[in-house]
Amino acid sequence: ADAKRFFPMSFDPATLVYNAAGLIPAIAQDRTSGEVLMMAWMNADAVAKTLETGHVTYWSRSRQAFWVKGESSGHVQELVSLRVDCDR
């Protein structure tokens, strides 16, 4: 499916509030139960890639590279919705 059809860039990821390293915490939750599955970091480019592709993309601080969840493990995370805290 064309992810842009489902997740148009309706806001600029640069408007989010990032820490001094240029990162923002991202919480992944189960779409049905709401259970928190994990916390990882994103930079503005990772947020943009996630919205463009529909595949959740994080920023690996240890590798200093994008990390598409499930790329090696097979435990893929597809974006269902993206919600922003009001403190952005």
PDB file of N, CA and C in Angstrom:
ATOM      1  N   ALA A   1       0.842  -1.193   0.000  1.00  0.00           N
ATOM      2  CA  ALA A   1       0.000   0.000   0.000  1.00  0.00           C
ATOM      3  C   ALA A   1       0.878   1.244   0.000  1.00  0.00           C
ATOM      4  N   ASP A   2       0.360   2.274  -0.577  1.00  0.00           N
ATOM      5  CA  ASP A   2       1.090   3.531  -0.633  1.00  0.00           C
ATOM      6  C   ASP A   2       0.926   4.247   0.701  1.00  0.00           C
ATOM      7  N   ALA A   3       1.985   4.270   1.512  1.00  0.00           N
ATOM      8  CA  ALA A   3       1.913   4.846   2.855  1.00  0.00           C
ATOM      9  C   ALA A   3       1.567   6.326   2.821  1.00  0.00           C
ATOM     10  N   LYS A   4       2.006   7.053   1.794  1.00  0.00           N
ATOM     11  CA  LYS A   4       1.707   8.489   1.734  1.00  0.00           C
ATOM     12  C   LYS A   4       0.213   8.730   1.651  1.00  0.00           C
ATOM     13  N   ARG A   5      -0.511   7.796   1.076  1.00  0.00           N
ATOM     14  CA  ARG A   5      -1.959   7.923   0.982  1.00  0.00           C
ATOM     15  C   ARG A   5      -2.574   7.899   2.383  1.00  0.00           C
ATOM     16  N   PHE A   6      -1.965   7.134   3.285  1.00  0.00           N
ATOM     17  CA  PHE A   6      -2.494   6.979   4.637  1.00  0.00           C
ATOM     18  C   PHE A   6      -1.899   7.964   5.632  1.00  0.00           C
ATOM     19  N   PHE A   7      -0.656   8.351   5.451  1.00  0.00           N
ATOM     20  CA  PHE A   7       0.034   9.216   6.400  1.00  0.00           C
ATOM     21  C   PHE A   7       0.653  10.415   5.693  1.00  0.00           C
ATOM     22  N   PRO A   8      -0.174  11.320   5.204  1.00  0.00           N
ATOM     23  CA  PRO A   8       0.385  12.499   4.542  1.00  0.00           C
ATOM     24  C   PRO A   8       1.154  13.350   5.551  1.00  0.00           C
ATOM     25  N   MET A   9       2.151  14.047   5.090  1.00  0.00           N
ATOM     26  CA  MET A   9       2.928  14.913   5.965  1.00  0.00           C
ATOM     27  C   MET A   9       2.073  16.120   6.342  1.00  0.00           C
ATOM     28  N   SER A  10       1.251  15.961   7.367  1.00  0.00           N
ATOM     29  CA  SER A  10       0.340  17.021   7.770  1.00  0.00           C
ATOM     30  C   SER A  10       0.992  17.999   8.734  1.00  0.00           C
ATOM     31  N   PHE A  11       2.172  17.674   9.207  1.00  0.00           N
ATOM     32  CA  PHE A  11       2.919  18.611  10.036  1.00  0.00           C
ATOM     33  C   PHE A  11       4.399  18.426   9.768  1.00  0.00           C
ATOM     34  N   ASP A  12       5.157  19.416  10.122  1.00  0.00           N
ATOM     35  CA  ASP A  12       6.602  19.397   9.917  1.00  0.00           C
ATOM     36  C   ASP A  12       7.256  18.786  11.151  1.00  0.00           C
ATOM     37  N   PRO A  13       7.964  17.639  11.016  1.00  0.00           N
ATOM     38  CA  PRO A  13       8.620  17.026  12.173  1.00  0.00           C
ATOM     39  C   PRO A  13       9.574  17.973  12.897  1.00  0.00           C
ATOM     40  N   ALA A  14      10.056  19.001  12.212  1.00  0.00           N
ATOM     41  CA  ALA A  14      10.967  19.965  12.842  1.00  0.00           C
ATOM     42  C   ALA A  14      10.258  20.800  13.904  1.00  0.00           C
ATOM     43  N   THR A  15       8.926  20.789  13.925  1.00  0.00           N
ATOM     44  CA  THR A  15       8.186  21.565  14.927  1.00  0.00           C
ATOM     45  C   THR A  15       8.108  20.844  16.270  1.00  0.00           C
ATOM     46  N   LEU A  16       8.529  19.576  16.320  1.00  0.00           N
ATOM     47  CA  LEU A  16       8.535  18.839  17.581  1.00  0.00           C
ATOM     48  C   LEU A  16       9.694  19.321  18.449  1.00  0.00           C
ATOM     49  N   VAL A  17       9.608  19.096  19.749  1.00  0.00           N
ATOM     50  CA  VAL A  17      10.664  19.522  20.669  1.00  0.00           C
ATOM     51  C   VAL A  17      11.634  18.353  20.880  1.00  0.00           C
ATOM     52  N   TYR A  18      12.867  18.531  20.396  1.00  0.00           N
ATOM     53  CA  TYR A  18      13.911  17.513  20.494  1.00  0.00           C
ATOM     54  C   TYR A  18      14.892  17.879  21.605  1.00  0.00           C
ATOM     55  N   ASN A  19      15.598  16.867  22.131  1.00  0.00           N
ATOM     56  CA  ASN A  19      16.593  17.145  23.166  1.00  0.00           C
ATOM     57  C   ASN A  19      17.859  17.709  22.527  1.00  0.00           C
ATOM     58  N   ALA A  20      18.886  17.932  23.345  1.00  0.00           N
ATOM     59  CA  ALA A  20      20.130  18.536  22.851  1.00  0.00           C
ATOM     60  C   ALA A  20      20.813  17.689  21.778  1.00  0.00           C
ATOM     61  N   ALA A  21      20.547  16.379  21.777  1.00  0.00           N
ATOM     62  CA  ALA A  21      21.127  15.483  20.764  1.00  0.00           C
ATOM     63  C   ALA A  21      20.263  15.408  19.511  1.00  0.00           C
ATOM     64  N   GLY A  22      19.168  16.174  19.485  1.00  0.00           N
ATOM     65  CA  GLY A  22      18.293  16.166  18.313  1.00  0.00           C
ATOM     66  C   GLY A  22      17.335  14.988  18.278  1.00  0.00           C
ATOM     67  N   LEU A  23      17.049  14.410  19.456  1.00  0.00           N
ATOM     68  CA  LEU A  23      16.202  13.216  19.536  1.00  0.00           C
ATOM     69  C   LEU A  23      14.943  13.472  20.355  1.00  0.00           C
ATOM     70  N   ILE A  24      13.945  12.653  20.087  1.00  0.00           N
ATOM     71  CA  ILE A  24      12.681  12.706  20.811  1.00  0.00           C
ATOM     72  C   ILE A  24      12.291  11.271  21.156  1.00  0.00           C
ATOM     73  N   PRO A  25      11.781  11.040  22.380  1.00  0.00           N
ATOM     74  CA  PRO A  25      11.375   9.671  22.713  1.00  0.00           C
ATOM     75  C   PRO A  25      10.114   9.276  21.951  1.00  0.00           C
ATOM     76  N   ALA A  26      10.070   8.028  21.514  1.00  0.00           N
ATOM     77  CA  ALA A  26       8.903   7.496  20.806  1.00  0.00           C
ATOM     78  C   ALA A  26       8.443   6.243  21.536  1.00  0.00           C
ATOM     79  N   ILE A  27       7.179   6.188  21.851  1.00  0.00           N
ATOM     80  CA  ILE A  27       6.597   5.050  22.557  1.00  0.00           C
ATOM     81  C   ILE A  27       5.759   4.248  21.570  1.00  0.00           C
ATOM     82  N   ALA A  28       6.043   2.963  21.443  1.00  0.00           N
ATOM     83  CA  ALA A  28       5.262   2.068  20.582  1.00  0.00           C
ATOM     84  C   ALA A  28       4.277   1.313  21.462  1.00  0.00           C
ATOM     85  N   GLN A  29       3.007   1.333  21.052  1.00  0.00           N
ATOM     86  CA  GLN A  29       1.958   0.651  21.791  1.00  0.00           C
ATOM     87  C   GLN A  29       1.222  -0.328  20.891  1.00  0.00           C
ATOM     88  N   ASP A  30       0.691  -1.385  21.508  1.00  0.00           N
ATOM     89  CA  ASP A  30      -0.140  -2.338  20.781  1.00  0.00           C
ATOM     90  C   ASP A  30      -1.415  -1.623  20.348  1.00  0.00           C
ATOM     91  N   ARG A  31      -1.792  -1.774  19.087  1.00  0.00           N
ATOM     92  CA  ARG A  31      -2.944  -1.046  18.556  1.00  0.00           C
ATOM     93  C   ARG A  31      -4.260  -1.468  19.196  1.00  0.00           C
ATOM     94  N   THR A  32      -4.359  -2.701  19.702  1.00  0.00           N
ATOM     95  CA  THR A  32      -5.602  -3.198  20.282  1.00  0.00           C
ATOM     96  C   THR A  32      -5.676  -2.960  21.787  1.00  0.00           C
ATOM     97  N   SER A  33      -4.642  -3.399  22.502  1.00  0.00           N
ATOM     98  CA  SER A  33      -4.676  -3.333  23.969  1.00  0.00           C
ATOM     99  C   SER A  33      -4.152  -2.018  24.535  1.00  0.00           C
ATOM    100  N   GLY A  34      -3.340  -1.294  23.760  1.00  0.00           N
ATOM    101  CA  GLY A  34      -2.710  -0.081  24.267  1.00  0.00           C
ATOM    102  C   GLY A  34      -1.466  -0.356  25.094  1.00  0.00           C
ATOM    103  N   GLU A  35      -1.102  -1.641  25.246  1.00  0.00           N
ATOM    104  CA  GLU A  35       0.080  -2.023  26.018  1.00  0.00           C
ATOM    105  C   GLU A  35       1.322  -1.369  25.410  1.00  0.00           C
ATOM    106  N   VAL A  36       2.171  -0.806  26.267  1.00  0.00           N
ATOM    107  CA  VAL A  36       3.426  -0.231  25.802  1.00  0.00           C
ATOM    108  C   VAL A  36       4.363  -1.372  25.428  1.00  0.00           C
ATOM    109  N   LEU A  37       4.834  -1.353  24.186  1.00  0.00           N
ATOM    110  CA  LEU A  37       5.719  -2.400  23.680  1.00  0.00           C
ATOM    111  C   LEU A  37       7.184  -2.028  23.820  1.00  0.00           C
ATOM    112  N   MET A  38       7.492  -0.757  23.614  1.00  0.00           N
ATOM    113  CA  MET A  38       8.885  -0.328  23.680  1.00  0.00           C
ATOM    114  C   MET A  38       8.980   1.184  23.635  1.00  0.00           C
ATOM    115  N   MET A  39      10.153   1.682  24.009  1.00  0.00           N
ATOM    116  CA  MET A  39      10.502   3.085  23.862  1.00  0.00           C
ATOM    117  C   MET A  39      11.806   3.124  23.088  1.00  0.00           C
ATOM    118  N   ALA A  40      11.892   4.007  22.122  1.00  0.00           N
ATOM    119  CA  ALA A  40      13.126   4.193  21.357  1.00  0.00           C
ATOM    120  C   ALA A  40      13.208   5.668  20.986  1.00  0.00           C
ATOM    121  N   TRP A  41      14.269   6.035  20.325  1.00  0.00           N
ATOM    122  CA  TRP A  41      14.498   7.436  19.959  1.00  0.00           C
ATOM    123  C   TRP A  41      14.276   7.660  18.473  1.00  0.00           C
ATOM    124  N   MET A  42      13.814   8.851  18.152  1.00  0.00           N
ATOM    125  CA  MET A  42      13.665   9.288  16.756  1.00  0.00           C
ATOM    126  C   MET A  42      14.279  10.675  16.620  1.00  0.00           C
ATOM    127  N   ASN A  43      14.839  10.938  15.455  1.00  0.00           N
ATOM    128  CA  ASN A  43      15.202  12.309  15.111  1.00  0.00           C
ATOM    129  C   ASN A  43      14.180  12.782  14.074  1.00  0.00           C
ATOM    130  N   ALA A  44      14.284  14.017  13.621  1.00  0.00           N
ATOM    131  CA  ALA A  44      13.296  14.557  12.688  1.00  0.00           C
ATOM    132  C   ALA A  44      13.231  13.733  11.400  1.00  0.00           C
ATOM    133  N   ASP A  45      14.371  13.253  10.930  1.00  0.00           N
ATOM    134  CA  ASP A  45      14.382  12.456   9.698  1.00  0.00           C
ATOM    135  C   ASP A  45      13.703  11.105   9.900  1.00  0.00           C
ATOM    136  N   ALA A  46      13.868  10.504  11.088  1.00  0.00           N
ATOM    137  CA  ALA A  46      13.211   9.226  11.380  1.00  0.00           C
ATOM    138  C   ALA A  46      11.692   9.406  11.440  1.00  0.00           C
ATOM    139  N   VAL A  47      11.246  10.513  12.021  1.00  0.00           N
ATOM    140  CA  VAL A  47       9.804  10.805  12.050  1.00  0.00           C
ATOM    141  C   VAL A  47       9.295  10.946  10.619  1.00  0.00           C
ATOM    142  N   ALA A  48      10.014  11.704   9.804  1.00  0.00           N
ATOM    143  CA  ALA A  48       9.606  11.916   8.412  1.00  0.00           C
ATOM    144  C   ALA A  48       9.577  10.590   7.645  1.00  0.00           C
ATOM    145  N   LYS A  49      10.606   9.747   7.813  1.00  0.00           N
ATOM    146  CA  LYS A  49      10.644   8.446   7.124  1.00  0.00           C
ATOM    147  C   LYS A  49       9.476   7.567   7.555  1.00  0.00           C
ATOM    148  N   THR A  50       9.169   7.586   8.842  1.00  0.00           N
ATOM    149  CA  THR A  50       8.044   6.798   9.359  1.00  0.00           C
ATOM    150  C   THR A  50       6.748   7.232   8.698  1.00  0.00           C
ATOM    151  N   LEU A  51       6.538   8.531   8.617  1.00  0.00           N
ATOM    152  CA  LEU A  51       5.312   9.051   8.000  1.00  0.00           C
ATOM    153  C   LEU A  51       5.270   8.777   6.498  1.00  0.00           C
ATOM    154  N   GLU A  52       6.426   8.829   5.846  1.00  0.00           N
ATOM    155  CA  GLU A  52       6.476   8.619   4.400  1.00  0.00           C
ATOM    156  C   GLU A  52       6.267   7.162   4.012  1.00  0.00           C
ATOM    157  N   THR A  53       6.792   6.238   4.833  1.00  0.00           N
ATOM    158  CA  THR A  53       6.767   4.829   4.449  1.00  0.00           C
ATOM    159  C   THR A  53       5.703   3.999   5.162  1.00  0.00           C
ATOM    160  N   GLY A  54       5.299   4.444   6.355  1.00  0.00           N
ATOM    161  CA  GLY A  54       4.378   3.648   7.160  1.00  0.00           C
ATOM    162  C   GLY A  54       5.081   2.563   7.967  1.00  0.00           C
ATOM    163  N   HIS A  55       6.417   2.451   7.799  1.00  0.00           N
ATOM    164  CA  HIS A  55       7.228   1.505   8.578  1.00  0.00           C
ATOM    165  C   HIS A  55       7.950   2.311   9.652  1.00  0.00           C
ATOM    166  N   VAL A  56       7.759   1.922  10.913  1.00  0.00           N
ATOM    167  CA  VAL A  56       8.324   2.716  12.002  1.00  0.00           C
ATOM    168  C   VAL A  56       9.850   2.678  11.936  1.00  0.00           C
ATOM    169  N   THR A  57      10.433   3.860  11.884  1.00  0.00           N
ATOM    170  CA  THR A  57      11.877   4.032  11.766  1.00  0.00           C
ATOM    171  C   THR A  57      12.375   4.822  12.969  1.00  0.00           C
ATOM    172  N   TYR A  58      13.325   4.248  13.672  1.00  0.00           N
ATOM    173  CA  TYR A  58      13.921   4.893  14.835  1.00  0.00           C
ATOM    174  C   TYR A  58      15.338   5.340  14.499  1.00  0.00           C
ATOM    175  N   TRP A  59      15.967   6.044  15.451  1.00  0.00           N
ATOM    176  CA  TRP A  59      17.365   6.422  15.314  1.00  0.00           C
ATOM    177  C   TRP A  59      18.160   5.627  16.344  1.00  0.00           C
ATOM    178  N   SER A  60      19.121   4.839  15.876  1.00  0.00           N
ATOM    179  CA  SER A  60      19.976   4.059  16.766  1.00  0.00           C
ATOM    180  C   SER A  60      21.116   4.941  17.245  1.00  0.00           C
ATOM    181  N   ARG A  61      21.121   5.220  18.540  1.00  0.00           N
ATOM    182  CA  ARG A  61      22.195   6.055  19.104  1.00  0.00           C
ATOM    183  C   ARG A  61      23.532   5.330  19.068  1.00  0.00           C
ATOM    184  N   SER A  62      23.531   4.017  19.266  1.00  0.00           N
ATOM    185  CA  SER A  62      24.795   3.276  19.283  1.00  0.00           C
ATOM    186  C   SER A  62      25.407   3.153  17.891  1.00  0.00           C
ATOM    187  N   ARG A  63      24.567   2.969  16.878  1.00  0.00           N
ATOM    188  CA  ARG A  63      25.076   2.819  15.507  1.00  0.00           C
ATOM    189  C   ARG A  63      25.101   4.134  14.743  1.00  0.00           C
ATOM    190  N   GLN A  64      24.421   5.147  15.299  1.00  0.00           N
ATOM    191  CA  GLN A  64      24.294   6.440  14.609  1.00  0.00           C
ATOM    192  C   GLN A  64      23.727   6.240  13.206  1.00  0.00           C
ATOM    193  N   ALA A  65      22.615   5.483  13.158  1.00  0.00           N
ATOM    194  CA  ALA A  65      21.989   5.159  11.878  1.00  0.00           C
ATOM    195  C   ALA A  65      20.507   4.888  12.091  1.00  0.00           C
ATOM    196  N   PHE A  66      19.750   4.953  11.000  1.00  0.00           N
ATOM    197  CA  PHE A  66      18.336   4.608  11.075  1.00  0.00           C
ATOM    198  C   PHE A  66      18.174   3.136  11.420  1.00  0.00           C
ATOM    199  N   TRP A  67      17.115   2.840  12.137  1.00  0.00           N
ATOM    200  CA  TRP A  67      16.787   1.474  12.525  1.00  0.00           C
ATOM    201  C   TRP A  67      15.313   1.255  12.216  1.00  0.00           C
ATOM    202  N   VAL A  68      15.043   0.493  11.174  1.00  0.00           N
ATOM    203  CA  VAL A  68      13.660   0.166  10.814  1.00  0.00           C
ATOM    204  C   VAL A  68      13.289  -1.070  11.621  1.00  0.00           C
ATOM    205  N   LYS A  69      12.354  -0.901  12.543  1.00  0.00           N
ATOM    206  CA  LYS A  69      11.980  -2.000  13.435  1.00  0.00           C
ATOM    207  C   LYS A  69      11.530  -3.198  12.619  1.00  0.00           C
ATOM    208  N   GLY A  70      12.120  -4.359  12.920  1.00  0.00           N
ATOM    209  CA  GLY A  70      11.770  -5.591  12.235  1.00  0.00           C
ATOM    210  C   GLY A  70      12.649  -5.925  11.056  1.00  0.00           C
ATOM    211  N   GLU A  71      13.553  -5.032  10.696  1.00  0.00           N
ATOM    212  CA  GLU A  71      14.435  -5.244   9.550  1.00  0.00           C
ATOM    213  C   GLU A  71      15.233  -6.548   9.684  1.00  0.00           C
ATOM    214  N   SER A  72      15.736  -6.812  10.877  1.00  0.00           N
ATOM    215  CA  SER A  72      16.508  -8.048  11.067  1.00  0.00           C
ATOM    216  C   SER A  72      15.749  -9.094  11.878  1.00  0.00           C
ATOM    217  N   SER A  73      14.870  -8.666  12.787  1.00  0.00           N
ATOM    218  CA  SER A  73      14.168  -9.623  13.661  1.00  0.00           C
ATOM    219  C   SER A  73      12.893 -10.189  13.049  1.00  0.00           C
ATOM    220  N   GLY A  74      12.330  -9.448  12.100  1.00  0.00           N
ATOM    221  CA  GLY A  74      11.055  -9.860  11.528  1.00  0.00           C
ATOM    222  C   GLY A  74       9.854  -9.353  12.314  1.00  0.00           C
ATOM    223  N   HIS A  75      10.095  -8.720  13.474  1.00  0.00           N
ATOM    224  CA  HIS A  75       9.017  -8.163  14.286  1.00  0.00           C
ATOM    225  C   HIS A  75       8.728  -6.739  13.810  1.00  0.00           C
ATOM    226  N   VAL A  76       8.068  -6.642  12.686  1.00  0.00           N
ATOM    227  CA  VAL A  76       7.821  -5.373  12.004  1.00  0.00           C
ATOM    228  C   VAL A  76       6.813  -4.518  12.766  1.00  0.00           C
ATOM    229  N   GLN A  77       7.071  -3.228  12.801  1.00  0.00           N
ATOM    230  CA  GLN A  77       6.106  -2.283  13.350  1.00  0.00           C
ATOM    231  C   GLN A  77       5.611  -1.407  12.207  1.00  0.00           C
ATOM    232  N   GLU A  78       4.320  -1.505  11.923  1.00  0.00           N
ATOM    233  CA  GLU A  78       3.711  -0.641  10.923  1.00  0.00           C
ATOM    234  C   GLU A  78       2.958   0.465  11.642  1.00  0.00           C
ATOM    235  N   LEU A  79       3.086   1.664  11.132  1.00  0.00           N
ATOM    236  CA  LEU A  79       2.445   2.816  11.755  1.00  0.00           C
ATOM    237  C   LEU A  79       0.937   2.743  11.569  1.00  0.00           C
ATOM    238  N   VAL A  80       0.223   2.784  12.686  1.00  0.00           N
ATOM    239  CA  VAL A  80      -1.244   2.828  12.657  1.00  0.00           C
ATOM    240  C   VAL A  80      -1.674   4.277  12.879  1.00  0.00           C
ATOM    241  N   SER A  81      -1.066   4.926  13.848  1.00  0.00           N
ATOM    242  CA  SER A  81      -1.318   6.343  14.071  1.00  0.00           C
ATOM    243  C   SER A  81      -0.112   6.938  14.785  1.00  0.00           C
ATOM    244  N   LEU A  82       0.049   8.232  14.651  1.00  0.00           N
ATOM    245  CA  LEU A  82       1.121   8.939  15.315  1.00  0.00           C
ATOM    246  C   LEU A  82       0.468  10.047  16.112  1.00  0.00           C
ATOM    247  N   ARG A  83       0.708  10.038  17.395  1.00  0.00           N
ATOM    248  CA  ARG A  83       0.133  11.061  18.266  1.00  0.00           C
ATOM    249  C   ARG A  83       1.256  11.836  18.919  1.00  0.00           C
ATOM    250  N   VAL A  84       1.033  13.116  19.069  1.00  0.00           N
ATOM    251  CA  VAL A  84       2.049  14.013  19.584  1.00  0.00           C
ATOM    252  C   VAL A  84       1.581  14.572  20.922  1.00  0.00           C
ATOM    253  N   ASP A  85       2.487  14.566  21.908  1.00  0.00           N
ATOM    254  CA  ASP A  85       2.195  15.150  23.205  1.00  0.00           C
ATOM    255  C   ASP A  85       1.990  16.651  23.039  1.00  0.00           C
ATOM    256  N   CYS A  86       1.168  17.204  23.865  1.00  0.00           N
ATOM    257  CA  CYS A  86       0.831  18.626  23.732  1.00  0.00           C
ATOM    258  C   CYS A  86       2.013  19.554  24.022  1.00  0.00           C
ATOM    259  N   ASP A  87       3.109  19.035  24.588  1.00  0.00           N
ATOM    260  CA  ASP A  87       4.271  19.858  24.893  1.00  0.00           C
ATOM    261  C   ASP A  87       5.199  20.053  23.709  1.00  0.00           C
ATOM    262  N   ARG A  88       4.764  19.616  22.525  1.00  0.00           N
ATOM    263  CA  ARG A  88       5.656  19.695  21.378  1.00  0.00           C
ATOM    264  C   ARG A  88       6.020  21.111  21.076  1.00  0.00           C
TER     265      ARG A  88
END
